[in-house]
Amino acid sequence: MPRTGLFRVTRQPIYVAFALTLWTVPTWTPDQLVLAVTFTAYCLLAPRFKEARFRRIYGSAFDDYARTVPYWLPWPRPRNRRAPAQSPSSEVGPNVTP
């Protein structure tokens, strides 16, 4: 299970690159559109089988990886930041006197 290079940004960098080559052609024709849609659908759906195999082989290690790295497009995601826990005595409300 690779974790270096582009695999730190997206779980499917090869499929993303292939789809980009399909959609960035200089001249569009109707058959090019059909090919781009068909092969992009394949690039989105086929890796699910590979990921199912990785889940069987690597188990929770792959689940942790999948939670932190996006499936396809590397959109910025908010990091999970935990707020510091406050003790009940530090809470001050409208009816509570400090």
PDB file of N, CA and C in Angstrom:
ATOM      1  N   MET A   1       0.856  -1.170   0.000  1.00  0.00           N
ATOM      2  CA  MET A   1       0.000   0.000   0.000  1.00  0.00           C
ATOM      3  C   MET A   1       0.902   1.232   0.000  1.00  0.00           C
ATOM      4  N   PRO A   2       1.024   1.913  -1.137  1.00  0.00           N
ATOM      5  CA  PRO A   2       1.912   3.075  -1.196  1.00  0.00           C
ATOM      6  C   PRO A   2       1.372   4.260  -0.397  1.00  0.00           C
ATOM      7  N   ARG A   3       2.292   4.997   0.235  1.00  0.00           N
ATOM      8  CA  ARG A   3       1.911   6.180   1.024  1.00  0.00           C
ATOM      9  C   ARG A   3       2.795   7.384   0.703  1.00  0.00           C
ATOM     10  N   THR A   4       3.663   7.273  -0.278  1.00  0.00           N
ATOM     11  CA  THR A   4       4.579   8.365  -0.600  1.00  0.00           C
ATOM     12  C   THR A   4       4.209   8.990  -1.940  1.00  0.00           C
ATOM     13  N   GLY A   5       4.816  10.113  -2.238  1.00  0.00           N
ATOM     14  CA  GLY A   5       4.568  10.789  -3.509  1.00  0.00           C
ATOM     15  C   GLY A   5       3.144  11.289  -3.619  1.00  0.00           C
ATOM     16  N   LEU A   6       2.554  11.097  -4.784  1.00  0.00           N
ATOM     17  CA  LEU A   6       1.182  11.560  -5.011  1.00  0.00           C
ATOM     18  C   LEU A   6       0.155  10.777  -4.202  1.00  0.00           C
ATOM     19  N   PHE A   7       0.529   9.598  -3.721  1.00  0.00           N
ATOM     20  CA  PHE A   7      -0.399   8.809  -2.907  1.00  0.00           C
ATOM     21  C   PHE A   7      -0.660   9.464  -1.549  1.00  0.00           C
ATOM     22  N   ARG A   8       0.111  10.482  -1.192  1.00  0.00           N
ATOM     23  CA  ARG A   8      -0.185  11.245   0.026  1.00  0.00           C
ATOM     24  C   ARG A   8      -1.298  12.247  -0.227  1.00  0.00           C
ATOM     25  N   VAL A   9      -1.542  12.591  -1.508  1.00  0.00           N
ATOM     26  CA  VAL A   9      -2.515  13.616  -1.880  1.00  0.00           C
ATOM     27  C   VAL A   9      -3.837  13.008  -2.340  1.00  0.00           C
ATOM     28  N   THR A  10      -3.768  11.912  -3.066  1.00  0.00           N
ATOM     29  CA  THR A  10      -4.955  11.232  -3.563  1.00  0.00           C
ATOM     30  C   THR A  10      -4.686   9.730  -3.593  1.00  0.00           C
ATOM     31  N   ARG A  11      -5.714   8.933  -3.344  1.00  0.00           N
ATOM     32  CA  ARG A  11      -5.521   7.486  -3.333  1.00  0.00           C
ATOM     33  C   ARG A  11      -5.451   6.906  -4.735  1.00  0.00           C
ATOM     34  N   GLN A  12      -5.851   7.659  -5.744  1.00  0.00           N
ATOM     35  CA  GLN A  12      -5.880   7.156  -7.119  1.00  0.00           C
ATOM     36  C   GLN A  12      -5.160   8.105  -8.081  1.00  0.00           C
ATOM     37  N   PRO A  13      -3.887   8.400  -7.905  1.00  0.00           N
ATOM     38  CA  PRO A  13      -3.233   9.390  -8.762  1.00  0.00           C
ATOM     39  C   PRO A  13      -3.116   8.964 -10.221  1.00  0.00           C
ATOM     40  N   ILE A  14      -2.972   7.677 -10.490  1.00  0.00           N
ATOM     41  CA  ILE A  14      -2.833   7.225 -11.878  1.00  0.00           C
ATOM     42  C   ILE A  14      -4.159   7.388 -12.620  1.00  0.00           C
ATOM     43  N   TYR A  15      -5.249   7.032 -11.969  1.00  0.00           N
ATOM     44  CA  TYR A  15      -6.563   7.194 -12.598  1.00  0.00           C
ATOM     45  C   TYR A  15      -6.908   8.670 -12.791  1.00  0.00           C
ATOM     46  N   VAL A  16      -6.537   9.508 -11.843  1.00  0.00           N
ATOM     47  CA  VAL A  16      -6.780  10.950 -11.981  1.00  0.00           C
ATOM     48  C   VAL A  16      -5.995  11.502 -13.162  1.00  0.00           C
ATOM     49  N   ALA A  17      -4.739  11.103 -13.298  1.00  0.00           N
ATOM     50  CA  ALA A  17      -3.912  11.575 -14.413  1.00  0.00           C
ATOM     51  C   ALA A  17      -4.480  11.112 -15.753  1.00  0.00           C
ATOM     52  N   PHE A  18      -4.941   9.864 -15.810  1.00  0.00           N
ATOM     53  CA  PHE A  18      -5.526   9.368 -17.053  1.00  0.00           C
ATOM     54  C   PHE A  18      -6.796  10.142 -17.405  1.00  0.00           C
ATOM     55  N   ALA A  19      -7.644  10.399 -16.428  1.00  0.00           N
ATOM     56  CA  ALA A  19      -8.871  11.163 -16.695  1.00  0.00           C
ATOM     57  C   ALA A  19      -8.540  12.583 -17.150  1.00  0.00           C
ATOM     58  N   LEU A  20      -7.508  13.172 -16.559  1.00  0.00           N
ATOM     59  CA  LEU A  20      -7.113  14.520 -16.997  1.00  0.00           C
ATOM     60  C   LEU A  20      -6.649  14.526 -18.448  1.00  0.00           C
ATOM     61  N   THR A  21      -5.946  13.490 -18.865  1.00  0.00           N
ATOM     62  CA  THR A  21      -5.532  13.440 -20.277  1.00  0.00           C
ATOM     63  C   THR A  21      -6.730  13.289 -21.193  1.00  0.00           C
ATOM     64  N   LEU A  22      -7.784  12.627 -20.731  1.00  0.00           N
ATOM     65  CA  LEU A  22      -8.987  12.483 -21.547  1.00  0.00           C
ATOM     66  C   LEU A  22      -9.730  13.803 -21.715  1.00  0.00           C
ATOM     67  N   TRP A  23      -9.741  14.620 -20.666  1.00  0.00           N
ATOM     68  CA  TRP A  23     -10.541  15.839 -20.672  1.00  0.00           C
ATOM     69  C   TRP A  23      -9.781  17.075 -21.137  1.00  0.00           C
ATOM     70  N   THR A  24      -8.508  16.963 -21.389  1.00  0.00           N
ATOM     71  CA  THR A  24      -7.726  18.144 -21.793  1.00  0.00           C
ATOM     72  C   THR A  24      -7.236  18.045 -23.227  1.00  0.00           C
ATOM     73  N   VAL A  25      -8.023  17.437 -24.086  1.00  0.00           N
ATOM     74  CA  VAL A  25      -7.648  17.342 -25.498  1.00  0.00           C
ATOM     75  C   VAL A  25      -7.890  18.684 -26.179  1.00  0.00           C
ATOM     76  N   PRO A  26      -7.083  19.033 -27.191  1.00  0.00           N
ATOM     77  CA  PRO A  26      -7.255  20.337 -27.834  1.00  0.00           C
ATOM     78  C   PRO A  26      -8.482  20.426 -28.733  1.00  0.00           C
ATOM     79  N   THR A  27      -8.924  19.302 -29.302  1.00  0.00           N
ATOM     80  CA  THR A  27     -10.059  19.318 -30.214  1.00  0.00           C
ATOM     81  C   THR A  27     -11.088  18.294 -29.754  1.00  0.00           C
ATOM     82  N   TRP A  28     -12.322  18.776 -29.557  1.00  0.00           N
ATOM     83  CA  TRP A  28     -13.378  17.886 -29.097  1.00  0.00           C
ATOM     84  C   TRP A  28     -14.234  17.423 -30.263  1.00  0.00           C
ATOM     85  N   THR A  29     -14.563  16.146 -30.266  1.00  0.00           N
ATOM     86  CA  THR A  29     -15.495  15.558 -31.224  1.00  0.00           C
ATOM     87  C   THR A  29     -16.513  14.756 -30.425  1.00  0.00           C
ATOM     88  N   PRO A  30     -17.619  14.392 -31.027  1.00  0.00           N
ATOM     89  CA  PRO A  30     -18.608  13.603 -30.281  1.00  0.00           C
ATOM     90  C   PRO A  30     -18.043  12.277 -29.755  1.00  0.00           C
ATOM     91  N   ASP A  31     -17.220  11.623 -30.550  1.00  0.00           N
ATOM     92  CA  ASP A  31     -16.662  10.353 -30.068  1.00  0.00           C
ATOM     93  C   ASP A  31     -15.663  10.578 -28.931  1.00  0.00           C
ATOM     94  N   GLN A  32     -14.970  11.706 -28.943  1.00  0.00           N
ATOM     95  CA  GLN A  32     -14.065  12.015 -27.835  1.00  0.00           C
ATOM     96  C   GLN A  32     -14.855  12.208 -26.541  1.00  0.00           C
ATOM     97  N   LEU A  33     -16.000  12.859 -26.625  1.00  0.00           N
ATOM     98  CA  LEU A  33     -16.842  13.048 -25.449  1.00  0.00           C
ATOM     99  C   LEU A  33     -17.321  11.698 -24.896  1.00  0.00           C
ATOM    100  N   VAL A  34     -17.746  10.799 -25.786  1.00  0.00           N
ATOM    101  CA  VAL A  34     -18.205   9.468 -25.345  1.00  0.00           C
ATOM    102  C   VAL A  34     -17.059   8.721 -24.671  1.00  0.00           C
ATOM    103  N   LEU A  35     -15.863   8.766 -25.252  1.00  0.00           N
ATOM    104  CA  LEU A  35     -14.704   8.099 -24.653  1.00  0.00           C
ATOM    105  C   LEU A  35     -14.354   8.707 -23.301  1.00  0.00           C
ATOM    106  N   ALA A  36     -14.366  10.030 -23.224  1.00  0.00           N
ATOM    107  CA  ALA A  36     -14.012  10.700 -21.967  1.00  0.00           C
ATOM    108  C   ALA A  36     -14.994  10.335 -20.863  1.00  0.00           C
ATOM    109  N   VAL A  37     -16.268  10.349 -21.156  1.00  0.00           N
ATOM    110  CA  VAL A  37     -17.281  10.011 -20.145  1.00  0.00           C
ATOM    111  C   VAL A  37     -17.150   8.550 -19.731  1.00  0.00           C
ATOM    112  N   THR A  38     -17.005   7.652 -20.709  1.00  0.00           N
ATOM    113  CA  THR A  38     -16.921   6.222 -20.422  1.00  0.00           C
ATOM    114  C   THR A  38     -15.685   5.889 -19.595  1.00  0.00           C
ATOM    115  N   PHE A  39     -14.528   6.351 -20.041  1.00  0.00           N
ATOM    116  CA  PHE A  39     -13.299   6.014 -19.329  1.00  0.00           C
ATOM    117  C   PHE A  39     -13.190   6.732 -17.981  1.00  0.00           C
ATOM    118  N   THR A  40     -13.765   7.911 -17.865  1.00  0.00           N
ATOM    119  CA  THR A  40     -13.766   8.592 -16.566  1.00  0.00           C
ATOM    120  C   THR A  40     -14.654   7.836 -15.580  1.00  0.00           C
ATOM    121  N   ALA A  41     -15.777   7.328 -16.059  1.00  0.00           N
ATOM    122  CA  ALA A  41     -16.626   6.504 -15.197  1.00  0.00           C
ATOM    123  C   ALA A  41     -15.863   5.270 -14.740  1.00  0.00           C
ATOM    124  N   TYR A  42     -15.118   4.671 -15.643  1.00  0.00           N
ATOM    125  CA  TYR A  42     -14.290   3.520 -15.264  1.00  0.00           C
ATOM    126  C   TYR A  42     -13.248   3.926 -14.218  1.00  0.00           C
ATOM    127  N   CYS A  43     -12.608   5.079 -14.426  1.00  0.00           N
ATOM    128  CA  CYS A  43     -11.578   5.551 -13.495  1.00  0.00           C
ATOM    129  C   CYS A  43     -12.147   5.862 -12.114  1.00  0.00           C
ATOM    130  N   LEU A  44     -13.417   6.200 -12.048  1.00  0.00           N
ATOM    131  CA  LEU A  44     -14.051   6.471 -10.764  1.00  0.00           C
ATOM    132  C   LEU A  44     -14.531   5.205 -10.062  1.00  0.00           C
ATOM    133  N   LEU A  45     -14.987   4.221 -10.825  1.00  0.00           N
ATOM    134  CA  LEU A  45     -15.605   3.036 -10.234  1.00  0.00           C
ATOM    135  C   LEU A  45     -14.655   1.853 -10.050  1.00  0.00           C
ATOM    136  N   ALA A  46     -13.777   1.615 -10.987  1.00  0.00           N
ATOM    137  CA  ALA A  46     -12.911   0.429 -10.937  1.00  0.00           C
ATOM    138  C   ALA A  46     -11.993   0.378  -9.715  1.00  0.00           C
ATOM    139  N   PRO A  47     -11.423   1.496  -9.259  1.00  0.00           N
ATOM    140  CA  PRO A  47     -10.555   1.406  -8.083  1.00  0.00           C
ATOM    141  C   PRO A  47     -11.268   0.948  -6.814  1.00  0.00           C
ATOM    142  N   ARG A  48     -12.586   0.971  -6.794  1.00  0.00           N
ATOM    143  CA  ARG A  48     -13.319   0.474  -5.623  1.00  0.00           C
ATOM    144  C   ARG A  48     -13.009  -1.007  -5.378  1.00  0.00           C
ATOM    145  N   PHE A  49     -12.814  -1.776  -6.461  1.00  0.00           N
ATOM    146  CA  PHE A  49     -12.476  -3.192  -6.322  1.00  0.00           C
ATOM    147  C   PHE A  49     -11.080  -3.360  -5.722  1.00  0.00           C
ATOM    148  N   LYS A  50     -10.151  -2.517  -6.163  1.00  0.00           N
ATOM    149  CA  LYS A  50      -8.795  -2.571  -5.617  1.00  0.00           C
ATOM    150  C   LYS A  50      -8.809  -2.189  -4.143  1.00  0.00           C
ATOM    151  N   GLU A  51      -9.594  -1.175  -3.793  1.00  0.00           N
ATOM    152  CA  GLU A  51      -9.661  -0.753  -2.396  1.00  0.00           C
ATOM    153  C   GLU A  51     -10.320  -1.817  -1.515  1.00  0.00           C
ATOM    154  N   ALA A  52     -11.279  -2.536  -2.051  1.00  0.00           N
ATOM    155  CA  ALA A  52     -11.884  -3.630  -1.282  1.00  0.00           C
ATOM    156  C   ALA A  52     -10.837  -4.708  -1.002  1.00  0.00           C
ATOM    157  N   ARG A  53     -10.000  -4.988  -1.984  1.00  0.00           N
ATOM    158  CA  ARG A  53      -8.911  -5.954  -1.783  1.00  0.00           C
ATOM    159  C   ARG A  53      -7.919  -5.439  -0.748  1.00  0.00           C
ATOM    160  N   PHE A  54      -7.581  -4.143  -0.812  1.00  0.00           N
ATOM    161  CA  PHE A  54      -6.662  -3.551   0.167  1.00  0.00           C
ATOM    162  C   PHE A  54      -7.251  -3.623   1.578  1.00  0.00           C
ATOM    163  N   ARG A  55      -8.571  -3.428   1.712  1.00  0.00           N
ATOM    164  CA  ARG A  55      -9.214  -3.523   3.029  1.00  0.00           C
ATOM    165  C   ARG A  55      -9.092  -4.932   3.594  1.00  0.00           C
ATOM    166  N   ARG A  56      -9.235  -5.934   2.728  1.00  0.00           N
ATOM    167  CA  ARG A  56      -9.085  -7.317   3.187  1.00  0.00           C
ATOM    168  C   ARG A  56      -7.642  -7.602   3.601  1.00  0.00           C
ATOM    169  N   ILE A  57      -6.678  -7.070   2.857  1.00  0.00           N
ATOM    170  CA  ILE A  57      -5.267  -7.367   3.118  1.00  0.00           C
ATOM    171  C   ILE A  57      -4.735  -6.564   4.303  1.00  0.00           C
ATOM    172  N   TYR A  58      -4.989  -5.239   4.304  1.00  0.00           N
ATOM    173  CA  TYR A  58      -4.370  -4.357   5.293  1.00  0.00           C
ATOM    174  C   TYR A  58      -5.263  -4.018   6.478  1.00  0.00           C
ATOM    175  N   GLY A  59      -6.560  -4.243   6.354  1.00  0.00           N
ATOM    176  CA  GLY A  59      -7.477  -4.022   7.467  1.00  0.00           C
ATOM    177  C   GLY A  59      -7.564  -2.578   7.924  1.00  0.00           C
ATOM    178  N   SER A  60      -7.408  -2.360   9.223  1.00  0.00           N
ATOM    179  CA  SER A  60      -7.592  -1.023   9.796  1.00  0.00           C
ATOM    180  C   SER A  60      -6.504  -0.049   9.347  1.00  0.00           C
ATOM    181  N   ALA A  61      -5.331  -0.535   8.950  1.00  0.00           N
ATOM    182  CA  ALA A  61      -4.286   0.365   8.448  1.00  0.00           C
ATOM    183  C   ALA A  61      -4.761   1.056   7.171  1.00  0.00           C
ATOM    184  N   PHE A  62      -5.445   0.311   6.305  1.00  0.00           N
ATOM    185  CA  PHE A  62      -5.970   0.937   5.090  1.00  0.00           C
ATOM    186  C   PHE A  62      -7.118   1.877   5.428  1.00  0.00           C
ATOM    187  N   ASP A  63      -7.951   1.517   6.385  1.00  0.00           N
ATOM    188  CA  ASP A  63      -9.049   2.403   6.784  1.00  0.00           C
ATOM    189  C   ASP A  63      -8.517   3.732   7.313  1.00  0.00           C
ATOM    190  N   ASP A  64      -7.450   3.702   8.081  1.00  0.00           N
ATOM    191  CA  ASP A  64      -6.831   4.934   8.570  1.00  0.00           C
ATOM    192  C   ASP A  64      -6.300   5.767   7.416  1.00  0.00           C
ATOM    193  N   TYR A  65      -5.652   5.104   6.463  1.00  0.00           N
ATOM    194  CA  TYR A  65      -5.140   5.790   5.275  1.00  0.00           C
ATOM    195  C   TYR A  65      -6.279   6.407   4.468  1.00  0.00           C
ATOM    196  N   ALA A  66      -7.357   5.651   4.276  1.00  0.00           N
ATOM    197  CA  ALA A  66      -8.495   6.138   3.496  1.00  0.00           C
ATOM    198  C   ALA A  66      -9.185   7.306   4.184  1.00  0.00           C
ATOM    199  N   ARG A  67      -9.147   7.339   5.515  1.00  0.00           N
ATOM    200  CA  ARG A  67      -9.761   8.449   6.247  1.00  0.00           C
ATOM    201  C   ARG A  67      -8.972   9.746   6.070  1.00  0.00           C
ATOM    202  N   THR A  68      -7.667   9.647   5.878  1.00  0.00           N
ATOM    203  CA  THR A  68      -6.835  10.849   5.813  1.00  0.00           C
ATOM    204  C   THR A  68      -6.533  11.313   4.399  1.00  0.00           C
ATOM    205  N   VAL A  69      -6.664  10.425   3.404  1.00  0.00           N
ATOM    206  CA  VAL A  69      -6.330  10.781   2.019  1.00  0.00           C
ATOM    207  C   VAL A  69      -7.593  10.674   1.172  1.00  0.00           C
ATOM    208  N   PRO A  70      -7.926  11.716   0.397  1.00  0.00           N
ATOM    209  CA  PRO A  70      -9.145  11.672  -0.421  1.00  0.00           C
ATOM    210  C   PRO A  70      -9.082  10.581  -1.492  1.00  0.00           C
ATOM    211  N   TYR A  71     -10.241  10.086  -1.876  1.00  0.00           N
ATOM    212  CA  TYR A  71     -10.325   9.016  -2.877  1.00  0.00           C
ATOM    213  C   TYR A  71      -9.805   9.467  -4.229  1.00  0.00           C
ATOM    214  N   TRP A  72     -10.274  10.614  -4.709  1.00  0.00           N
ATOM    215  CA  TRP A  72      -9.936  11.007  -6.076  1.00  0.00           C
ATOM    216  C   TRP A  72      -9.343  12.401  -6.158  1.00  0.00           C
ATOM    217  N   LEU A  73     -10.127  13.397  -5.855  1.00  0.00           N
ATOM    218  CA  LEU A  73      -9.646  14.779  -5.993  1.00  0.00           C
ATOM    219  C   LEU A  73      -9.119  15.287  -4.663  1.00  0.00           C
ATOM    220  N   PRO A  74      -7.940  15.876  -4.678  1.00  0.00           N
ATOM    221  CA  PRO A  74      -7.344  16.339  -3.416  1.00  0.00           C
ATOM    222  C   PRO A  74      -7.876  17.689  -2.963  1.00  0.00           C
ATOM    223  N   TRP A  75      -9.169  17.761  -2.669  1.00  0.00           N
ATOM    224  CA  TRP A  75      -9.748  18.997  -2.148  1.00  0.00           C
ATOM    225  C   TRP A  75      -9.214  19.246  -0.753  1.00  0.00           C
ATOM    226  N   PRO A  76      -9.012  20.493  -0.407  1.00  0.00           N
ATOM    227  CA  PRO A  76      -8.600  20.771   0.979  1.00  0.00           C
ATOM    228  C   PRO A  76      -9.713  20.378   1.940  1.00  0.00           C
ATOM    229  N   ARG A  77      -9.342  19.683   2.988  1.00  0.00           N
ATOM    230  CA  ARG A  77     -10.318  19.260   3.985  1.00  0.00           C
ATOM    231  C   ARG A  77      -9.904  19.821   5.329  1.00  0.00           C
ATOM    232  N   PRO A  78     -10.881  20.188   6.155  1.00  0.00           N
ATOM    233  CA  PRO A  78     -10.518  20.691   7.480  1.00  0.00           C
ATOM    234  C   PRO A  78      -9.897  19.581   8.309  1.00  0.00           C
ATOM    235  N   ARG A  79      -8.904  19.947   9.068  1.00  0.00           N
ATOM    236  CA  ARG A  79      -8.283  18.972   9.949  1.00  0.00           C
ATOM    237  C   ARG A  79      -9.136  18.798  11.185  1.00  0.00           C
ATOM    238  N   ASN A  80      -9.126  17.610  11.709  1.00  0.00           N
ATOM    239  CA  ASN A  80      -9.879  17.336  12.934  1.00  0.00           C
ATOM    240  C   ASN A  80      -9.086  17.866  14.107  1.00  0.00           C
ATOM    241  N   ARG A  81      -9.526  18.984  14.624  1.00  0.00           N
ATOM    242  CA  ARG A  81      -8.874  19.564  15.798  1.00  0.00           C
ATOM    243  C   ARG A  81      -9.807  19.426  16.970  1.00  0.00           C
ATOM    244  N   ARG A  82      -9.306  18.866  18.002  1.00  0.00           N
ATOM    245  CA  ARG A  82     -10.124  18.683  19.192  1.00  0.00           C
ATOM    246  C   ARG A  82      -9.982  19.899  20.081  1.00  0.00           C
ATOM    247  N   ALA A  83     -11.114  20.397  20.535  1.00  0.00           N
ATOM    248  CA  ALA A  83     -11.108  21.538  21.452  1.00  0.00           C
ATOM    249  C   ALA A  83     -10.653  21.050  22.818  1.00  0.00           C
ATOM    250  N   PRO A  84      -9.907  21.860  23.524  1.00  0.00           N
ATOM    251  CA  PRO A  84      -9.488  21.438  24.856  1.00  0.00           C
ATOM    252  C   PRO A  84     -10.700  21.263  25.768  1.00  0.00           C
ATOM    253  N   ALA A  85     -10.676  20.204  26.523  1.00  0.00           N
ATOM    254  CA  ALA A  85     -11.797  19.925  27.426  1.00  0.00           C
ATOM    255  C   ALA A  85     -11.797  20.912  28.574  1.00  0.00           C
ATOM    256  N   GLN A  86     -12.985  21.377  28.904  1.00  0.00           N
ATOM    257  CA  GLN A  86     -13.118  22.312  30.021  1.00  0.00           C
ATOM    258  C   GLN A  86     -13.676  21.568  31.223  1.00  0.00           C
ATOM    259  N   SER A  87     -13.182  21.900  32.374  1.00  0.00           N
ATOM    260  CA  SER A  87     -13.713  21.288  33.582  1.00  0.00           C
ATOM    261  C   SER A  87     -15.030  21.965  33.944  1.00  0.00           C
ATOM    262  N   PRO A  88     -15.926  21.272  34.621  1.00  0.00           N
ATOM    263  CA  PRO A  88     -17.223  21.867  34.977  1.00  0.00           C
ATOM    264  C   PRO A  88     -17.077  23.113  35.842  1.00  0.00           C
ATOM    265  N   SER A  89     -16.014  23.210  36.625  1.00  0.00           N
ATOM    266  CA  SER A  89     -15.865  24.371  37.485  1.00  0.00           C
ATOM    267  C   SER A  89     -15.445  25.610  36.707  1.00  0.00           C
ATOM    268  N   SER A  90     -14.954  25.420  35.456  1.00  0.00           N
ATOM    269  CA  SER A  90     -14.525  26.594  34.687  1.00  0.00           C
ATOM    270  C   SER A  90     -15.647  27.190  33.852  1.00  0.00           C
ATOM    271  N   GLU A  91     -16.823  26.546  33.858  1.00  0.00           N
ATOM    272  CA  GLU A  91     -17.941  27.063  33.085  1.00  0.00           C
ATOM    273  C   GLU A  91     -18.601  28.205  33.846  1.00  0.00           C
ATOM    274  N   VAL A  92     -18.829  29.278  33.134  1.00  0.00           N
ATOM    275  CA  VAL A  92     -19.490  30.426  33.740  1.00  0.00           C
ATOM    276  C   VAL A  92     -20.676  30.768  32.859  1.00  0.00           C
ATOM    277  N   GLY A  93     -21.857  30.698  33.375  1.00  0.00           N
ATOM    278  CA  GLY A  93     -23.054  30.986  32.610  1.00  0.00           C
ATOM    279  C   GLY A  93     -23.762  32.176  33.194  1.00  0.00           C
ATOM    280  N   PRO A  94     -24.930  32.541  32.663  1.00  0.00           N
ATOM    281  CA  PRO A  94     -25.651  33.718  33.137  1.00  0.00           C
ATOM    282  C   PRO A  94     -26.150  33.551  34.559  1.00  0.00           C
ATOM    283  N   ASN A  95     -26.454  32.325  35.009  1.00  0.00           N
ATOM    284  CA  ASN A  95     -26.989  32.110  36.349  1.00  0.00           C
ATOM    285  C   ASN A  95     -25.947  31.581  37.301  1.00  0.00           C
ATOM    286  N   VAL A  96     -24.710  31.480  36.867  1.00  0.00           N
ATOM    287  CA  VAL A  96     -23.670  30.919  37.730  1.00  0.00           C
ATOM    288  C   VAL A  96     -22.734  32.047  38.155  1.00  0.00           C
ATOM    289  N   THR A  97     -22.489  32.127  39.428  1.00  0.00           N
ATOM    290  CA  THR A  97     -21.553  33.149  39.906  1.00  0.00           C
ATOM    291  C   THR A  97     -20.178  32.546  40.060  1.00  0.00           C
ATOM    292  N   PRO A  98     -19.157  33.251  39.618  1.00  0.00           N
ATOM    293  CA  PRO A  98     -17.819  32.691  39.707  1.00  0.00           C
ATOM    294  C   PRO A  98     -17.275  32.679  41.127  1.00  0.00           C
TER     295      PRO A  98
END
